Amino acid sequence: MTLRIGFYGAGLISHMHTWFLASSAVDHSIVAVCEPDAARPGAFADRHGARVVGEEELLDLVDVVYVTTWTSEHARLVRAATERGLAVFCEKPLATEAGTVAGMVDVVESAGIVNQVGLLLRYVPAFVYARHLVSDPRAGRLLAVAFRDDQFIPNQGHYASTWRVDPALCGRGALLEHSIHDVDVLRWICGPVAAVSATMREVHGYERIDDVAVARLEFTGGGVASLTSIWHDILERPSMRHVEIFCERLYVGIDPEANGRVAWQLTGSPGEELEGSAVVDACIAAGAAPTDETVPFLGTPVFNPATAFLAAVRDRAPSPLPFREALPAHRIVDAIYASADGGGAVVPVE
């Protein structure tokens, strides 16, 4: 069976997903694209042998819908696909606030359709292996995490997404639009979050668009994380992350942009380090890999999120990363904004 795929959106993120799809062994074909910017869909369609169509016509032609539009459109388009019984992949953030996300979860689960959210860090081998290391009983209790994420503000450069500085379309700024990846993977590795506090700035002058966010996350297990998310103007510097995790008897350093490097040291043992395909192999050997299929991405191999999703659609099986998995991160992000908007007060979460 060849899965027929349609895209709502023909921008940079859509092209990223077609890159993942092109490397997937699951039989599929991109057959339709719908994009409000008339300058975009023609080239996209020509590249993939697809048709440029309207919203309703797209739903008549496909088995699977990719929603890669600006954030405020996600809920409406997901509902439209769900009403036709179509599988749906939706980019992060799922919506501008957690209440809408909860409604989207109800919609897809009530319909019983396969659904997946684009939280890519769960497919980055360095983070996958870090989670495996932290879960080892030898590590002891989590103590602290320092997480820094920076990129140039994405209304310029190769992103050129003016909608990302329009709160009517994106909701908020760097924390929601970019660092929801970070919030999700922190919770995935370190466990539920009990409370948060935060400070934010709008240095570029876009109202409600935070470009500096510094958050403190307290985990129910007792550990604490600091998350610093920055949108700057250094176009020569791509999206970068650096993470350090300290447990009682374990140190882990994650530098996914440096050929996917992960370094670690346990009490009584010499330090170890892996990068590139060696991290992939270690994840597979540990039984931690979400799939054994990888794709080159930003200079390092990542596990292919398209394969896991398409295989679930083909086999009529649950997705490994359904919308429900994103709901805690959205609630944490909402609480961080509530803290920053309230002067940095501690806000309970889970």
C-alpha atoms as a PDB file:
ATOM      1  CA  MET A   1       0.000   0.000   0.000  1.00  0.00           C
ATOM      2  CA  THR A   2       1.340   3.405  -0.986  1.00  0.00           C
ATOM      3  CA  LEU A   3       0.393   6.032   1.602  1.00  0.00           C
ATOM      4  CA  ARG A   4      -0.739   9.247  -0.083  1.00  0.00           C
ATOM      5  CA  ILE A   5       0.508  12.333   1.775  1.00  0.00           C
ATOM      6  CA  GLY A   6      -0.692  15.929   1.625  1.00  0.00           C
ATOM      7  CA  PHE A   7       0.960  19.006   3.132  1.00  0.00           C
ATOM      8  CA  TYR A   8      -0.765  22.020   4.610  1.00  0.00           C
ATOM      9  CA  GLY A   9       2.185  24.382   4.251  1.00  0.00           C
ATOM     10  CA  ALA A  10       5.107  24.610   1.819  1.00  0.00           C
ATOM     11  CA  GLY A  11       7.705  26.494   3.861  1.00  0.00           C
ATOM     12  CA  LEU A  12      11.021  25.540   5.438  1.00  0.00           C
ATOM     13  CA  ILE A  13       9.558  23.100   7.955  1.00  0.00           C
ATOM     14  CA  SER A  14       7.586  21.329   5.223  1.00  0.00           C
ATOM     15  CA  HIS A  15      10.806  20.872   3.261  1.00  0.00           C
ATOM     16  CA  MET A  16      12.495  19.439   6.366  1.00  0.00           C
ATOM     17  CA  HIS A  17       9.774  16.812   6.658  1.00  0.00           C
ATOM     18  CA  THR A  18      10.025  15.911   2.979  1.00  0.00           C
ATOM     19  CA  TRP A  19      13.730  15.264   3.641  1.00  0.00           C
ATOM     20  CA  PHE A  20      12.786  12.777   6.361  1.00  0.00           C
ATOM     21  CA  LEU A  21      10.104  11.243   4.137  1.00  0.00           C
ATOM     22  CA  ALA A  22      12.531  10.805   1.242  1.00  0.00           C
ATOM     23  CA  SER A  23      14.736   8.631   3.466  1.00  0.00           C
ATOM     24  CA  SER A  24      11.895   6.491   4.798  1.00  0.00           C
ATOM     25  CA  ALA A  25      11.547   2.887   3.670  1.00  0.00           C
ATOM     26  CA  VAL A  26       7.749   2.971   4.187  1.00  0.00           C
ATOM     27  CA  ASP A  27       6.038   3.176   0.789  1.00  0.00           C
ATOM     28  CA  HIS A  28       4.495   6.616   0.291  1.00  0.00           C
ATOM     29  CA  SER A  29       3.948   9.436  -2.169  1.00  0.00           C
ATOM     30  CA  ILE A  30       3.509  13.188  -1.642  1.00  0.00           C
ATOM     31  CA  VAL A  31       0.485  13.946  -3.822  1.00  0.00           C
ATOM     32  CA  ALA A  32      -0.897  17.334  -2.723  1.00  0.00           C
ATOM     33  CA  VAL A  33       0.065  20.646  -1.136  1.00  0.00           C
ATOM     34  CA  CYS A  34      -2.018  23.596   0.063  1.00  0.00           C
ATOM     35  CA  GLU A  35      -0.260  26.887   0.862  1.00  0.00           C
ATOM     36  CA  PRO A  36      -1.709  30.424   1.190  1.00  0.00           C
ATOM     37  CA  ASP A  37       1.504  32.061  -0.100  1.00  0.00           C
ATOM     38  CA  ALA A  38       1.097  31.778  -3.884  1.00  0.00           C
ATOM     39  CA  ALA A  39       4.868  31.980  -4.441  1.00  0.00           C
ATOM     40  CA  ARG A  40       5.608  28.747  -2.576  1.00  0.00           C
ATOM     41  CA  PRO A  41       3.485  25.734  -3.525  1.00  0.00           C
ATOM     42  CA  GLY A  42       4.372  25.498  -7.228  1.00  0.00           C
ATOM     43  CA  ALA A  43       8.038  24.669  -6.672  1.00  0.00           C
ATOM     44  CA  PHE A  44       7.128  22.334  -3.809  1.00  0.00           C
ATOM     45  CA  ALA A  45       4.617  20.475  -5.969  1.00  0.00           C
ATOM     46  CA  ASP A  46       7.015  20.218  -8.933  1.00  0.00           C
ATOM     47  CA  ARG A  47       9.755  18.814  -6.707  1.00  0.00           C
ATOM     48  CA  HIS A  48       7.534  15.992  -5.454  1.00  0.00           C
ATOM     49  CA  GLY A  49       5.221  15.390  -8.399  1.00  0.00           C
ATOM     50  CA  ALA A  50       2.289  16.684  -6.343  1.00  0.00           C
ATOM     51  CA  ARG A  51      -0.704  18.908  -7.085  1.00  0.00           C
ATOM     52  CA  VAL A  52      -1.391  22.386  -5.713  1.00  0.00           C
ATOM     53  CA  VAL A  53      -4.916  22.227  -4.317  1.00  0.00           C
ATOM     54  CA  GLY A  54      -7.317  23.915  -1.908  1.00  0.00           C
ATOM     55  CA  GLU A  55      -7.943  22.838   1.672  1.00  0.00           C
ATOM     56  CA  GLU A  56     -10.965  20.641   0.986  1.00  0.00           C
ATOM     57  CA  GLU A  57      -9.579  19.069  -2.175  1.00  0.00           C
ATOM     58  CA  LEU A  58      -6.413  18.027  -0.363  1.00  0.00           C
ATOM     59  CA  LEU A  59      -8.493  15.968   2.063  1.00  0.00           C
ATOM     60  CA  ASP A  60     -10.097  14.116  -0.878  1.00  0.00           C
ATOM     61  CA  LEU A  61      -6.734  13.005  -2.235  1.00  0.00           C
ATOM     62  CA  VAL A  62      -4.721  11.727   0.755  1.00  0.00           C
ATOM     63  CA  ASP A  63      -4.430   9.156   3.530  1.00  0.00           C
ATOM     64  CA  VAL A  64      -2.064  11.242   5.655  1.00  0.00           C
ATOM     65  CA  VAL A  65      -1.988  14.986   6.378  1.00  0.00           C
ATOM     66  CA  TYR A  66       1.109  16.929   7.480  1.00  0.00           C
ATOM     67  CA  VAL A  67       0.172  20.203   9.216  1.00  0.00           C
ATOM     68  CA  THR A  68       3.177  22.528   8.983  1.00  0.00           C
ATOM     69  CA  THR A  69       1.482  25.939   8.949  1.00  0.00           C
ATOM     70  CA  TRP A  70       1.754  28.748  11.490  1.00  0.00           C
ATOM     71  CA  THR A  71       0.666  27.673  14.945  1.00  0.00           C
ATOM     72  CA  SER A  72      -2.737  29.361  15.179  1.00  0.00           C
ATOM     73  CA  GLU A  73      -4.000  27.266  12.221  1.00  0.00           C
ATOM     74  CA  HIS A  74      -3.016  23.879  13.642  1.00  0.00           C
ATOM     75  CA  ALA A  75      -6.152  23.070  15.627  1.00  0.00           C
ATOM     76  CA  ARG A  76      -8.535  23.925  12.776  1.00  0.00           C
ATOM     77  CA  LEU A  77      -6.627  21.904  10.168  1.00  0.00           C
ATOM     78  CA  VAL A  78      -6.150  18.928  12.491  1.00  0.00           C
ATOM     79  CA  ARG A  79      -9.904  18.884  13.128  1.00  0.00           C
ATOM     80  CA  ALA A  80     -10.610  18.999   9.381  1.00  0.00           C
ATOM     81  CA  ALA A  81      -8.322  16.017   8.750  1.00  0.00           C
ATOM     82  CA  THR A  82      -9.745  14.121  11.699  1.00  0.00           C
ATOM     83  CA  GLU A  83     -13.310  14.558  10.487  1.00  0.00           C
ATOM     84  CA  ARG A  84     -12.268  12.696   7.321  1.00  0.00           C
ATOM     85  CA  GLY A  85     -10.627   9.904   9.347  1.00  0.00           C
ATOM     86  CA  LEU A  86      -7.151  10.764   8.055  1.00  0.00           C
ATOM     87  CA  ALA A  87      -3.898  10.208   9.918  1.00  0.00           C
ATOM     88  CA  VAL A  88      -2.272  13.482  10.896  1.00  0.00           C
ATOM     89  CA  PHE A  89       1.224  14.703  11.722  1.00  0.00           C
ATOM     90  CA  CYS A  90       1.294  18.173  13.280  1.00  0.00           C
ATOM     91  CA  GLU A  91       4.357  20.282  13.915  1.00  0.00           C
ATOM     92  CA  LYS A  92       5.125  21.720  17.311  1.00  0.00           C
ATOM     93  CA  PRO A  93       3.850  23.781  19.022  1.00  0.00           C
ATOM     94  CA  LEU A  94       0.513  22.047  18.593  1.00  0.00           C
ATOM     95  CA  ALA A  95      -1.286  25.272  19.561  1.00  0.00           C
ATOM     96  CA  THR A  96      -0.663  28.614  21.216  1.00  0.00           C
ATOM     97  CA  GLU A  97      -1.829  27.408  24.658  1.00  0.00           C
ATOM     98  CA  ALA A  98      -2.416  24.128  26.484  1.00  0.00           C
ATOM     99  CA  GLY A  99      -6.215  24.318  26.626  1.00  0.00           C
ATOM    100  CA  THR A 100      -6.409  24.129  22.843  1.00  0.00           C
ATOM    101  CA  VAL A 101      -3.877  21.293  22.823  1.00  0.00           C
ATOM    102  CA  ALA A 102      -6.062  19.313  25.254  1.00  0.00           C
ATOM    103  CA  GLY A 103      -8.963  19.772  22.848  1.00  0.00           C
ATOM    104  CA  MET A 104      -6.834  18.546  19.928  1.00  0.00           C
ATOM    105  CA  VAL A 105      -5.881  15.451  21.926  1.00  0.00           C
ATOM    106  CA  ASP A 106      -9.569  14.734  22.577  1.00  0.00           C
ATOM    107  CA  VAL A 107     -10.401  15.187  18.875  1.00  0.00           C
ATOM    108  CA  VAL A 108      -7.807  12.747  17.524  1.00  0.00           C
ATOM    109  CA  GLU A 109      -8.289  10.186  20.276  1.00  0.00           C
ATOM    110  CA  SER A 110     -12.088  10.208  19.963  1.00  0.00           C
ATOM    111  CA  ALA A 111     -11.723   9.639  16.226  1.00  0.00           C
ATOM    112  CA  GLY A 112      -9.188   6.853  16.750  1.00  0.00           C
ATOM    113  CA  ILE A 113      -6.795   8.183  14.107  1.00  0.00           C
ATOM    114  CA  VAL A 114      -3.016   7.797  14.094  1.00  0.00           C
ATOM    115  CA  ASN A 115      -1.481  11.101  15.165  1.00  0.00           C
ATOM    116  CA  GLN A 116       2.058  12.327  15.816  1.00  0.00           C
ATOM    117  CA  VAL A 117       3.623  15.595  16.981  1.00  0.00           C
ATOM    118  CA  GLY A 118       6.895  16.989  15.641  1.00  0.00           C
ATOM    119  CA  LEU A 119       8.998  17.000  18.819  1.00  0.00           C
ATOM    120  CA  LEU A 120      12.234  16.164  17.038  1.00  0.00           C
ATOM    121  CA  LEU A 121      14.641  16.084  19.991  1.00  0.00           C
ATOM    122  CA  ARG A 122      13.233  12.702  21.013  1.00  0.00           C
ATOM    123  CA  TYR A 123      14.766  11.381  17.779  1.00  0.00           C
ATOM    124  CA  VAL A 124      18.203  12.940  18.294  1.00  0.00           C
ATOM    125  CA  PRO A 125      20.550  10.101  19.365  1.00  0.00           C
ATOM    126  CA  ALA A 126      22.442  12.211  21.931  1.00  0.00           C
ATOM    127  CA  PHE A 127      19.240  12.920  23.857  1.00  0.00           C
ATOM    128  CA  VAL A 128      18.005   9.343  23.457  1.00  0.00           C
ATOM    129  CA  TYR A 129      21.241   7.996  24.912  1.00  0.00           C
ATOM    130  CA  ALA A 130      21.326  10.614  27.684  1.00  0.00           C
ATOM    131  CA  ARG A 131      17.884   9.440  28.787  1.00  0.00           C
ATOM    132  CA  HIS A 132      19.190   5.870  28.868  1.00  0.00           C
ATOM    133  CA  LEU A 133      22.167   6.924  31.014  1.00  0.00           C
ATOM    134  CA  VAL A 134      20.092   8.953  33.485  1.00  0.00           C
ATOM    135  CA  SER A 135      17.657   6.042  33.921  1.00  0.00           C
ATOM    136  CA  ASP A 136      20.498   3.715  34.971  1.00  0.00           C
ATOM    137  CA  PRO A 137      20.148   3.014  38.736  1.00  0.00           C
ATOM    138  CA  ARG A 138      23.893   3.588  39.105  1.00  0.00           C
ATOM    139  CA  ALA A 139      23.350   7.269  38.277  1.00  0.00           C
ATOM    140  CA  GLY A 140      21.514   7.957  41.509  1.00  0.00           C
ATOM    141  CA  ARG A 141      19.146  10.863  41.970  1.00  0.00           C
ATOM    142  CA  LEU A 142      18.994  13.775  39.569  1.00  0.00           C
ATOM    143  CA  LEU A 143      20.619  16.888  40.995  1.00  0.00           C
ATOM    144  CA  ALA A 144      20.647  19.644  38.357  1.00  0.00           C
ATOM    145  CA  VAL A 145      20.519  20.378  34.627  1.00  0.00           C
ATOM    146  CA  ALA A 146      21.898  23.374  32.750  1.00  0.00           C
ATOM    147  CA  PHE A 147      20.281  23.731  29.300  1.00  0.00           C
ATOM    148  CA  ARG A 148      21.149  26.523  26.840  1.00  0.00           C
ATOM    149  CA  ASP A 149      19.392  26.891  23.485  1.00  0.00           C
ATOM    150  CA  ASP A 150      20.135  29.725  21.052  1.00  0.00           C
ATOM    151  CA  GLN A 151      19.388  30.635  17.444  1.00  0.00           C
ATOM    152  CA  PHE A 152      18.930  33.807  15.423  1.00  0.00           C
ATOM    153  CA  ILE A 153      15.442  35.268  15.580  1.00  0.00           C
ATOM    154  CA  PRO A 154      13.667  33.423  12.747  1.00  0.00           C
ATOM    155  CA  ASN A 155      12.083  36.351  10.893  1.00  0.00           C
ATOM    156  CA  GLN A 156      15.367  36.559   8.960  1.00  0.00           C
ATOM    157  CA  GLY A 157      18.006  34.344   7.378  1.00  0.00           C
ATOM    158  CA  HIS A 158      16.972  30.987   5.936  1.00  0.00           C
ATOM    159  CA  TYR A 159      13.872  30.868   8.168  1.00  0.00           C
ATOM    160  CA  ALA A 160      12.454  34.192   6.880  1.00  0.00           C
ATOM    161  CA  SER A 161       9.235  33.491   8.810  1.00  0.00           C
ATOM    162  CA  THR A 162       7.630  36.853   9.520  1.00  0.00           C
ATOM    163  CA  TRP A 163       4.698  35.085  11.175  1.00  0.00           C
ATOM    164  CA  ARG A 164       6.990  34.022  14.017  1.00  0.00           C
ATOM    165  CA  VAL A 165       6.985  37.596  15.361  1.00  0.00           C
ATOM    166  CA  ASP A 166       3.193  37.984  15.051  1.00  0.00           C
ATOM    167  CA  PRO A 167       1.534  36.783  18.294  1.00  0.00           C
ATOM    168  CA  ALA A 168      -1.805  36.371  16.491  1.00  0.00           C
ATOM    169  CA  LEU A 169      -0.173  33.611  14.432  1.00  0.00           C
ATOM    170  CA  CYS A 170       2.482  32.128  16.724  1.00  0.00           C
ATOM    171  CA  GLY A 171       1.169  32.900  20.221  1.00  0.00           C
ATOM    172  CA  ARG A 172       4.458  33.840  21.897  1.00  0.00           C
ATOM    173  CA  GLY A 173       8.180  33.849  21.162  1.00  0.00           C
ATOM    174  CA  ALA A 174      11.336  31.791  21.654  1.00  0.00           C
ATOM    175  CA  LEU A 175      10.127  29.664  24.548  1.00  0.00           C
ATOM    176  CA  LEU A 176       6.921  28.436  22.889  1.00  0.00           C
ATOM    177  CA  GLU A 177       7.965  28.475  19.249  1.00  0.00           C
ATOM    178  CA  HIS A 178      11.443  26.980  19.675  1.00  0.00           C
ATOM    179  CA  SER A 179      12.171  25.806  23.204  1.00  0.00           C
ATOM    180  CA  ILE A 180       9.059  23.713  23.642  1.00  0.00           C
ATOM    181  CA  HIS A 181      11.425  21.097  22.171  1.00  0.00           C
ATOM    182  CA  ASP A 182      13.687  21.661  25.175  1.00  0.00           C
ATOM    183  CA  VAL A 183      10.901  21.626  27.755  1.00  0.00           C
ATOM    184  CA  ASP A 184       9.600  18.367  26.312  1.00  0.00           C
ATOM    185  CA  VAL A 185      12.960  16.612  26.283  1.00  0.00           C
ATOM    186  CA  LEU A 186      13.773  17.836  29.808  1.00  0.00           C
ATOM    187  CA  ARG A 187      10.564  16.279  31.105  1.00  0.00           C
ATOM    188  CA  TRP A 188      11.192  13.142  29.015  1.00  0.00           C
ATOM    189  CA  ILE A 189      14.657  12.657  30.516  1.00  0.00           C
ATOM    190  CA  CYS A 190      14.167  14.032  34.033  1.00  0.00           C
ATOM    191  CA  GLY A 191      10.524  13.301  34.870  1.00  0.00           C
ATOM    192  CA  PRO A 192       7.435  15.367  35.756  1.00  0.00           C
ATOM    193  CA  VAL A 193       7.779  19.036  36.634  1.00  0.00           C
ATOM    194  CA  ALA A 194       6.310  20.229  39.929  1.00  0.00           C
ATOM    195  CA  ALA A 195       6.778  23.998  39.596  1.00  0.00           C
ATOM    196  CA  VAL A 196       8.461  26.668  37.506  1.00  0.00           C
ATOM    197  CA  SER A 197       9.594  30.282  37.695  1.00  0.00           C
ATOM    198  CA  ALA A 198      10.924  32.522  34.939  1.00  0.00           C
ATOM    199  CA  THR A 199      12.168  35.856  33.640  1.00  0.00           C
ATOM    200  CA  MET A 200      11.715  37.040  30.032  1.00  0.00           C
ATOM    201  CA  ARG A 201      12.702  39.927  27.793  1.00  0.00           C
ATOM    202  CA  GLU A 202      11.490  41.330  24.441  1.00  0.00           C
ATOM    203  CA  VAL A 203      14.762  42.889  23.293  1.00  0.00           C
ATOM    204  CA  HIS A 204      13.823  43.055  19.608  1.00  0.00           C
ATOM    205  CA  GLY A 205      10.730  45.058  20.465  1.00  0.00           C
ATOM    206  CA  TYR A 206       8.046  42.677  19.218  1.00  0.00           C
ATOM    207  CA  GLU A 207       5.171  42.741  21.708  1.00  0.00           C
ATOM    208  CA  ARG A 208       4.541  39.359  23.371  1.00  0.00           C
ATOM    209  CA  ILE A 209       7.474  37.835  21.460  1.00  0.00           C
ATOM    210  CA  ASP A 210      10.036  36.815  24.055  1.00  0.00           C
ATOM    211  CA  ASP A 211      13.585  36.617  22.695  1.00  0.00           C
ATOM    212  CA  VAL A 212      15.285  35.927  26.046  1.00  0.00           C
ATOM    213  CA  ALA A 213      13.695  33.423  28.407  1.00  0.00           C
ATOM    214  CA  VAL A 214      15.372  32.084  31.545  1.00  0.00           C
ATOM    215  CA  ALA A 215      13.311  29.448  33.356  1.00  0.00           C
ATOM    216  CA  ARG A 216      13.785  27.335  36.455  1.00  0.00           C
ATOM    217  CA  LEU A 217      12.084  23.917  36.453  1.00  0.00           C
ATOM    218  CA  GLU A 218      11.663  21.933  39.674  1.00  0.00           C
ATOM    219  CA  PHE A 219      11.121  18.223  39.093  1.00  0.00           C
ATOM    220  CA  THR A 220       8.888  16.120  41.314  1.00  0.00           C
ATOM    221  CA  GLY A 221      11.858  13.834  41.909  1.00  0.00           C
ATOM    222  CA  GLY A 222      13.798  16.658  43.529  1.00  0.00           C
ATOM    223  CA  GLY A 223      16.134  17.798  40.771  1.00  0.00           C
ATOM    224  CA  VAL A 224      16.136  21.265  39.236  1.00  0.00           C
ATOM    225  CA  ALA A 225      16.904  22.576  35.729  1.00  0.00           C
ATOM    226  CA  SER A 226      17.771  25.983  34.354  1.00  0.00           C
ATOM    227  CA  LEU A 227      16.672  26.585  30.774  1.00  0.00           C
ATOM    228  CA  THR A 228      17.992  29.597  28.855  1.00  0.00           C
ATOM    229  CA  SER A 229      16.432  30.249  25.459  1.00  0.00           C
ATOM    230  CA  ILE A 230      17.788  33.074  23.289  1.00  0.00           C
ATOM    231  CA  TRP A 231      16.889  34.615  19.923  1.00  0.00           C
ATOM    232  CA  HIS A 232      19.822  36.787  18.773  1.00  0.00           C
ATOM    233  CA  ASP A 233      20.947  38.305  15.458  1.00  0.00           C
ATOM    234  CA  ILE A 234      24.044  36.212  14.745  1.00  0.00           C
ATOM    235  CA  LEU A 235      22.974  34.773  11.400  1.00  0.00           C
ATOM    236  CA  GLU A 236      26.239  32.864  11.065  1.00  0.00           C
ATOM    237  CA  ARG A 237      25.307  30.847  14.174  1.00  0.00           C
ATOM    238  CA  PRO A 238      22.713  28.125  13.504  1.00  0.00           C
ATOM    239  CA  SER A 239      20.356  26.649  16.069  1.00  0.00           C
ATOM    240  CA  MET A 240      22.625  25.449  18.895  1.00  0.00           C
ATOM    241  CA  ARG A 241      22.110  23.579  22.153  1.00  0.00           C
ATOM    242  CA  HIS A 242      24.408  22.675  25.020  1.00  0.00           C
ATOM    243  CA  VAL A 243      23.244  20.567  27.962  1.00  0.00           C
ATOM    244  CA  GLU A 244      24.883  19.336  31.166  1.00  0.00           C
ATOM    245  CA  ILE A 245      23.174  16.878  33.517  1.00  0.00           C
ATOM    246  CA  PHE A 246      24.430  16.083  37.013  1.00  0.00           C
ATOM    247  CA  CYS A 247      23.152  13.139  39.033  1.00  0.00           C
ATOM    248  CA  GLU A 248      24.570  11.852  42.317  1.00  0.00           C
ATOM    249  CA  ARG A 249      26.984   9.520  40.536  1.00  0.00           C
ATOM    250  CA  LEU A 250      26.714  10.518  36.873  1.00  0.00           C
ATOM    251  CA  TYR A 251      27.683  13.447  34.663  1.00  0.00           C
ATOM    252  CA  VAL A 252      26.294  13.733  31.121  1.00  0.00           C
ATOM    253  CA  GLY A 253      27.230  16.407  28.575  1.00  0.00           C
ATOM    254  CA  ILE A 254      25.192  16.732  25.387  1.00  0.00           C
ATOM    255  CA  ASP A 255      26.317  18.666  22.323  1.00  0.00           C
ATOM    256  CA  PRO A 256      24.055  17.443  19.501  1.00  0.00           C
ATOM    257  CA  GLU A 257      25.385  19.957  16.978  1.00  0.00           C
ATOM    258  CA  ALA A 258      28.998  18.734  17.435  1.00  0.00           C
ATOM    259  CA  ASN A 259      28.445  15.579  15.376  1.00  0.00           C
ATOM    260  CA  GLY A 260      25.869  14.436  17.921  1.00  0.00           C
ATOM    261  CA  ARG A 261      28.368  14.166  20.762  1.00  0.00           C
ATOM    262  CA  VAL A 262      27.404  12.791  24.171  1.00  0.00           C
ATOM    263  CA  ALA A 263      29.975  12.476  26.983  1.00  0.00           C
ATOM    264  CA  TRP A 264      29.471  10.891  30.389  1.00  0.00           C
ATOM    265  CA  GLN A 265      31.223   9.703  33.534  1.00  0.00           C
ATOM    266  CA  LEU A 266      30.031   7.465  36.367  1.00  0.00           C
ATOM    267  CA  THR A 267      31.571   7.370  39.821  1.00  0.00           C
ATOM    268  CA  GLY A 268      34.598   5.082  39.820  1.00  0.00           C
ATOM    269  CA  SER A 269      34.828   4.969  36.013  1.00  0.00           C
ATOM    270  CA  PRO A 270      36.793   6.899  33.401  1.00  0.00           C
ATOM    271  CA  GLY A 271      34.953   9.417  31.262  1.00  0.00           C
ATOM    272  CA  GLU A 272      33.489   8.165  27.987  1.00  0.00           C
ATOM    273  CA  GLU A 273      32.398   9.904  24.802  1.00  0.00           C
ATOM    274  CA  LEU A 274      30.598   8.975  21.584  1.00  0.00           C
ATOM    275  CA  GLU A 275      29.580  10.923  18.510  1.00  0.00           C
ATOM    276  CA  GLY A 276      27.936  10.455  15.139  1.00  0.00           C
ATOM    277  CA  SER A 277      26.909   6.949  14.140  1.00  0.00           C
ATOM    278  CA  ALA A 278      28.522   5.515  17.293  1.00  0.00           C
ATOM    279  CA  VAL A 279      25.768   7.178  19.378  1.00  0.00           C
ATOM    280  CA  VAL A 280      23.155   5.647  17.077  1.00  0.00           C
ATOM    281  CA  ASP A 281      24.707   2.204  17.534  1.00  0.00           C
ATOM    282  CA  ALA A 282      24.809   2.654  21.315  1.00  0.00           C
ATOM    283  CA  CYS A 283      21.113   3.606  21.398  1.00  0.00           C
ATOM    284  CA  ILE A 284      20.188   0.549  19.341  1.00  0.00           C
ATOM    285  CA  ALA A 285      22.350  -1.754  21.479  1.00  0.00           C
ATOM    286  CA  ALA A 286      20.699  -0.385  24.641  1.00  0.00           C
ATOM    287  CA  GLY A 287      17.205  -0.945  23.221  1.00  0.00           C
ATOM    288  CA  ALA A 288      16.529   2.792  23.491  1.00  0.00           C
ATOM    289  CA  ALA A 289      16.261   3.708  19.791  1.00  0.00           C
ATOM    290  CA  PRO A 290      12.787   4.711  18.539  1.00  0.00           C
ATOM    291  CA  THR A 291      13.652   3.143  15.149  1.00  0.00           C
ATOM    292  CA  ASP A 292      16.740   1.652  13.541  1.00  0.00           C
ATOM    293  CA  GLU A 293      16.411   3.940  10.500  1.00  0.00           C
ATOM    294  CA  THR A 294      18.437   7.147  10.498  1.00  0.00           C
ATOM    295  CA  VAL A 295      18.733  10.170   8.241  1.00  0.00           C
ATOM    296  CA  PRO A 296      21.486  12.829   8.028  1.00  0.00           C
ATOM    297  CA  PHE A 297      20.266  16.087   9.568  1.00  0.00           C
ATOM    298  CA  LEU A 298      22.367  19.202  10.262  1.00  0.00           C
ATOM    299  CA  GLY A 299      25.554  17.221   9.849  1.00  0.00           C
ATOM    300  CA  THR A 300      24.749  14.270  12.102  1.00  0.00           C
ATOM    301  CA  PRO A 301      22.504  11.191  11.893  1.00  0.00           C
ATOM    302  CA  VAL A 302      19.126  11.303  13.643  1.00  0.00           C
ATOM    303  CA  PHE A 303      16.486   8.632  13.986  1.00  0.00           C
ATOM    304  CA  ASN A 304      13.910   9.151  11.250  1.00  0.00           C
ATOM    305  CA  PRO A 305      10.603  10.409  12.751  1.00  0.00           C
ATOM    306  CA  ALA A 306       8.809   9.920   9.433  1.00  0.00           C
ATOM    307  CA  THR A 307       9.400   6.156   9.446  1.00  0.00           C
ATOM    308  CA  ALA A 308       7.952   5.654  12.917  1.00  0.00           C
ATOM    309  CA  PHE A 309       4.862   7.658  11.971  1.00  0.00           C
ATOM    310  CA  LEU A 310       4.261   6.119   8.540  1.00  0.00           C
ATOM    311  CA  ALA A 311       4.811   2.605   9.892  1.00  0.00           C
ATOM    312  CA  ALA A 312       2.130   3.282  12.506  1.00  0.00           C
ATOM    313  CA  VAL A 313      -0.272   4.479   9.790  1.00  0.00           C
ATOM    314  CA  ARG A 314       0.506   1.498   7.554  1.00  0.00           C
ATOM    315  CA  ASP A 315       0.124  -1.013  10.383  1.00  0.00           C
ATOM    316  CA  ARG A 316      -2.859   0.766  11.997  1.00  0.00           C
ATOM    317  CA  ALA A 317      -0.844   0.913  15.202  1.00  0.00           C
ATOM    318  CA  PRO A 318      -0.397   3.686  17.788  1.00  0.00           C
ATOM    319  CA  SER A 319       2.159   6.360  16.971  1.00  0.00           C
ATOM    320  CA  PRO A 320       5.241   6.381  19.227  1.00  0.00           C
ATOM    321  CA  LEU A 321       4.839  10.151  19.760  1.00  0.00           C
ATOM    322  CA  PRO A 322       1.123  11.051  19.743  1.00  0.00           C
ATOM    323  CA  PHE A 323      -0.332  14.476  20.507  1.00  0.00           C
ATOM    324  CA  ARG A 324      -0.963  13.463  24.123  1.00  0.00           C
ATOM    325  CA  GLU A 325       2.785  13.281  24.724  1.00  0.00           C
ATOM    326  CA  ALA A 326       3.069  17.010  23.962  1.00  0.00           C
ATOM    327  CA  LEU A 327       0.397  18.116  26.432  1.00  0.00           C
ATOM    328  CA  PRO A 328       2.658  18.177  29.550  1.00  0.00           C
ATOM    329  CA  ALA A 329       5.231  20.350  27.747  1.00  0.00           C
ATOM    330  CA  HIS A 330       2.498  22.791  26.724  1.00  0.00           C
ATOM    331  CA  ARG A 331       1.256  23.004  30.307  1.00  0.00           C
ATOM    332  CA  ILE A 332       4.796  23.635  31.543  1.00  0.00           C
ATOM    333  CA  VAL A 333       5.320  26.354  28.913  1.00  0.00           C
ATOM    334  CA  ASP A 334       2.030  28.009  29.907  1.00  0.00           C
ATOM    335  CA  ALA A 335       3.165  27.983  33.541  1.00  0.00           C
ATOM    336  CA  ILE A 336       6.551  29.502  32.619  1.00  0.00           C
ATOM    337  CA  TYR A 337       4.820  32.346  30.798  1.00  0.00           C
ATOM    338  CA  ALA A 338       2.455  32.820  33.740  1.00  0.00           C
ATOM    339  CA  SER A 339       5.463  33.131  36.041  1.00  0.00           C
ATOM    340  CA  ALA A 340       7.284  35.616  33.806  1.00  0.00           C
ATOM    341  CA  ASP A 341       4.122  37.671  33.261  1.00  0.00           C
ATOM    342  CA  GLY A 342       3.616  37.664  37.028  1.00  0.00           C
ATOM    343  CA  GLY A 343       7.076  38.962  37.899  1.00  0.00           C
ATOM    344  CA  GLY A 344       8.825  35.631  38.360  1.00  0.00           C
ATOM    345  CA  ALA A 345       6.561  34.014  40.930  1.00  0.00           C
ATOM    346  CA  VAL A 346       6.730  30.253  41.418  1.00  0.00           C
ATOM    347  CA  VAL A 347       3.869  28.576  39.513  1.00  0.00           C
ATOM    348  CA  PRO A 348       2.867  24.921  40.188  1.00  0.00           C
ATOM    349  CA  VAL A 349       2.539  22.619  37.183  1.00  0.00           C
ATOM    350  CA  GLU A 350       2.032  18.857  37.685  1.00  0.00           C
END
